[in-house]
N, C-alpha and C. Protein backbone atom coordinates (compact mmCIF):
# COMPACT_ATOMS: atom_id res chain seq x y z
N MET A 1 42.40 38.33 48.34
CA MET A 1 42.84 38.54 46.97
C MET A 1 43.13 37.18 46.35
N LEU A 2 42.73 37.03 45.10
CA LEU A 2 43.01 35.79 44.38
C LEU A 2 44.39 35.86 43.75
N THR A 3 45.09 34.77 43.81
CA THR A 3 46.40 34.72 43.17
C THR A 3 46.45 33.50 42.28
N GLY A 4 47.27 33.57 41.30
CA GLY A 4 47.41 32.45 40.38
C GLY A 4 48.71 32.57 39.62
N GLY A 5 49.01 31.55 38.87
CA GLY A 5 50.26 31.53 38.13
C GLY A 5 50.04 31.47 36.64
N VAL A 6 48.88 31.90 36.17
CA VAL A 6 48.61 31.87 34.74
C VAL A 6 47.99 33.20 34.31
N GLY A 7 48.01 33.46 33.02
CA GLY A 7 47.35 34.63 32.48
C GLY A 7 48.31 35.76 32.19
N ILE A 8 47.77 36.75 31.48
CA ILE A 8 48.58 37.89 31.06
C ILE A 8 48.96 38.77 32.25
N GLY A 9 48.07 38.86 33.24
CA GLY A 9 48.40 39.65 34.42
C GLY A 9 49.57 39.07 35.20
N PHE A 10 49.57 37.76 35.37
CA PHE A 10 50.70 37.12 36.05
C PHE A 10 51.98 37.29 35.24
N PHE A 11 51.85 37.18 33.92
CA PHE A 11 53.02 37.34 33.05
C PHE A 11 53.64 38.72 33.22
N ILE A 12 52.79 39.75 33.25
CA ILE A 12 53.30 41.12 33.41
C ILE A 12 53.90 41.30 34.80
N TRP A 13 53.23 40.78 35.82
CA TRP A 13 53.75 40.92 37.19
C TRP A 13 55.09 40.20 37.35
N ASP A 14 55.20 39.02 36.78
CA ASP A 14 56.45 38.26 36.85
C ASP A 14 57.56 38.99 36.09
N ALA A 15 57.22 39.54 34.93
CA ALA A 15 58.22 40.29 34.17
C ALA A 15 58.65 41.54 34.93
N TRP A 16 57.71 42.20 35.60
CA TRP A 16 58.04 43.39 36.40
C TRP A 16 59.00 43.02 37.54
N ASN A 17 58.69 41.92 38.22
CA ASN A 17 59.55 41.51 39.33
C ASN A 17 60.92 41.05 38.86
N SER A 18 61.02 40.60 37.61
CA SER A 18 62.29 40.14 37.06
C SER A 18 62.99 41.21 36.23
N SER A 19 62.41 42.41 36.19
CA SER A 19 62.96 43.54 35.44
C SER A 19 63.14 43.24 33.95
N ARG A 20 62.16 42.53 33.38
CA ARG A 20 62.19 42.24 31.94
C ARG A 20 61.26 43.23 31.24
N LEU A 21 61.78 44.41 30.97
CA LEU A 21 60.99 45.49 30.39
C LEU A 21 60.47 45.14 29.00
N SER A 22 61.26 44.43 28.21
CA SER A 22 60.82 44.08 26.86
C SER A 22 59.60 43.15 26.90
N ASP A 23 59.54 42.24 27.85
CA ASP A 23 58.38 41.37 27.99
C ASP A 23 57.14 42.16 28.40
N ILE A 24 57.30 43.16 29.24
CA ILE A 24 56.19 44.00 29.66
C ILE A 24 55.63 44.77 28.47
N ILE A 25 56.52 45.31 27.65
CA ILE A 25 56.09 46.07 26.48
C ILE A 25 55.35 45.17 25.50
N VAL A 26 55.84 43.97 25.28
CA VAL A 26 55.17 43.02 24.39
C VAL A 26 53.78 42.67 24.93
N ALA A 27 53.67 42.44 26.22
CA ALA A 27 52.38 42.09 26.82
C ALA A 27 51.41 43.25 26.71
N LEU A 28 51.86 44.48 26.92
CA LEU A 28 50.98 45.64 26.80
C LEU A 28 50.55 45.85 25.36
N ALA A 29 51.44 45.60 24.41
CA ALA A 29 51.07 45.69 22.99
C ALA A 29 50.03 44.63 22.65
N TYR A 30 50.19 43.44 23.21
CA TYR A 30 49.21 42.36 23.00
C TYR A 30 47.84 42.76 23.54
N ILE A 31 47.82 43.34 24.72
CA ILE A 31 46.56 43.80 25.31
C ILE A 31 45.94 44.89 24.44
N GLY A 32 46.75 45.81 23.94
CA GLY A 32 46.25 46.88 23.10
C GLY A 32 45.67 46.37 21.79
N VAL A 33 46.36 45.45 21.13
CA VAL A 33 45.87 44.89 19.87
C VAL A 33 44.58 44.10 20.10
N THR A 34 44.54 43.33 21.17
CA THR A 34 43.33 42.57 21.50
C THR A 34 42.15 43.51 21.76
N GLY A 35 42.38 44.58 22.49
CA GLY A 35 41.33 45.55 22.75
C GLY A 35 40.86 46.23 21.48
N PHE A 36 41.78 46.57 20.59
CA PHE A 36 41.43 47.21 19.32
C PHE A 36 40.57 46.28 18.46
N VAL A 37 40.97 45.02 18.37
CA VAL A 37 40.20 44.04 17.58
C VAL A 37 38.81 43.84 18.18
N LEU A 38 38.73 43.71 19.49
CA LEU A 38 37.42 43.54 20.13
C LEU A 38 36.54 44.77 19.93
N ASP A 39 37.13 45.96 19.97
CA ASP A 39 36.37 47.19 19.73
C ASP A 39 35.78 47.20 18.33
N LYS A 40 36.58 46.83 17.35
CA LYS A 40 36.10 46.80 15.97
C LYS A 40 35.02 45.73 15.78
N LEU A 41 35.17 44.58 16.43
CA LEU A 41 34.16 43.53 16.32
C LEU A 41 32.83 43.97 16.94
N VAL A 42 32.88 44.63 18.07
CA VAL A 42 31.65 45.12 18.71
C VAL A 42 31.01 46.21 17.87
N ALA A 43 31.82 47.08 17.26
CA ALA A 43 31.27 48.12 16.38
C ALA A 43 30.61 47.50 15.16
N LEU A 44 31.22 46.47 14.60
CA LEU A 44 30.63 45.77 13.46
C LEU A 44 29.33 45.09 13.87
N LEU A 45 29.33 44.44 15.00
CA LEU A 45 28.12 43.79 15.50
C LEU A 45 27.03 44.82 15.75
N GLY A 46 27.38 45.96 16.29
CA GLY A 46 26.41 47.02 16.54
C GLY A 46 25.81 47.55 15.26
N SER A 47 26.63 47.69 14.22
CA SER A 47 26.09 48.18 12.95
C SER A 47 25.21 47.14 12.28
N VAL A 48 25.51 45.86 12.47
CA VAL A 48 24.66 44.80 11.91
C VAL A 48 23.33 44.75 12.65
N VAL A 49 23.37 44.84 13.97
CA VAL A 49 22.15 44.75 14.78
C VAL A 49 21.23 45.94 14.53
N THR A 50 21.82 47.13 14.40
CA THR A 50 21.00 48.31 14.18
C THR A 50 20.80 48.61 12.70
N ARG A 51 21.30 47.76 11.85
CA ARG A 51 21.20 47.89 10.40
C ARG A 51 21.77 49.21 9.90
N GLY A 52 22.79 49.71 10.59
CA GLY A 52 23.48 50.91 10.13
C GLY A 52 22.75 52.20 10.39
N THR A 53 21.66 52.20 11.15
CA THR A 53 20.96 53.46 11.43
C THR A 53 21.73 54.27 12.45
N ALA A 54 21.77 55.57 12.25
CA ALA A 54 22.48 56.45 13.17
C ALA A 54 21.50 56.94 14.24
N ALA A 55 21.99 56.99 15.46
CA ALA A 55 21.16 57.51 16.56
C ALA A 55 21.26 59.01 16.57
N ASN A 56 20.14 59.70 16.68
CA ASN A 56 20.14 61.16 16.71
C ASN A 56 19.89 61.67 18.11
């Protein structure tokens, strides 16, 4: 298993071990917002590439 001391995963794990629930919630919200933005960007890219045609 790879281990490290950087990144959002380490931040969440460290917060869990230190019982900092508010930090865990902030990190999960950050992951959720990042995922939402990336989803919208990929959908926009998909509509540009396919020129807005719907698949039947």
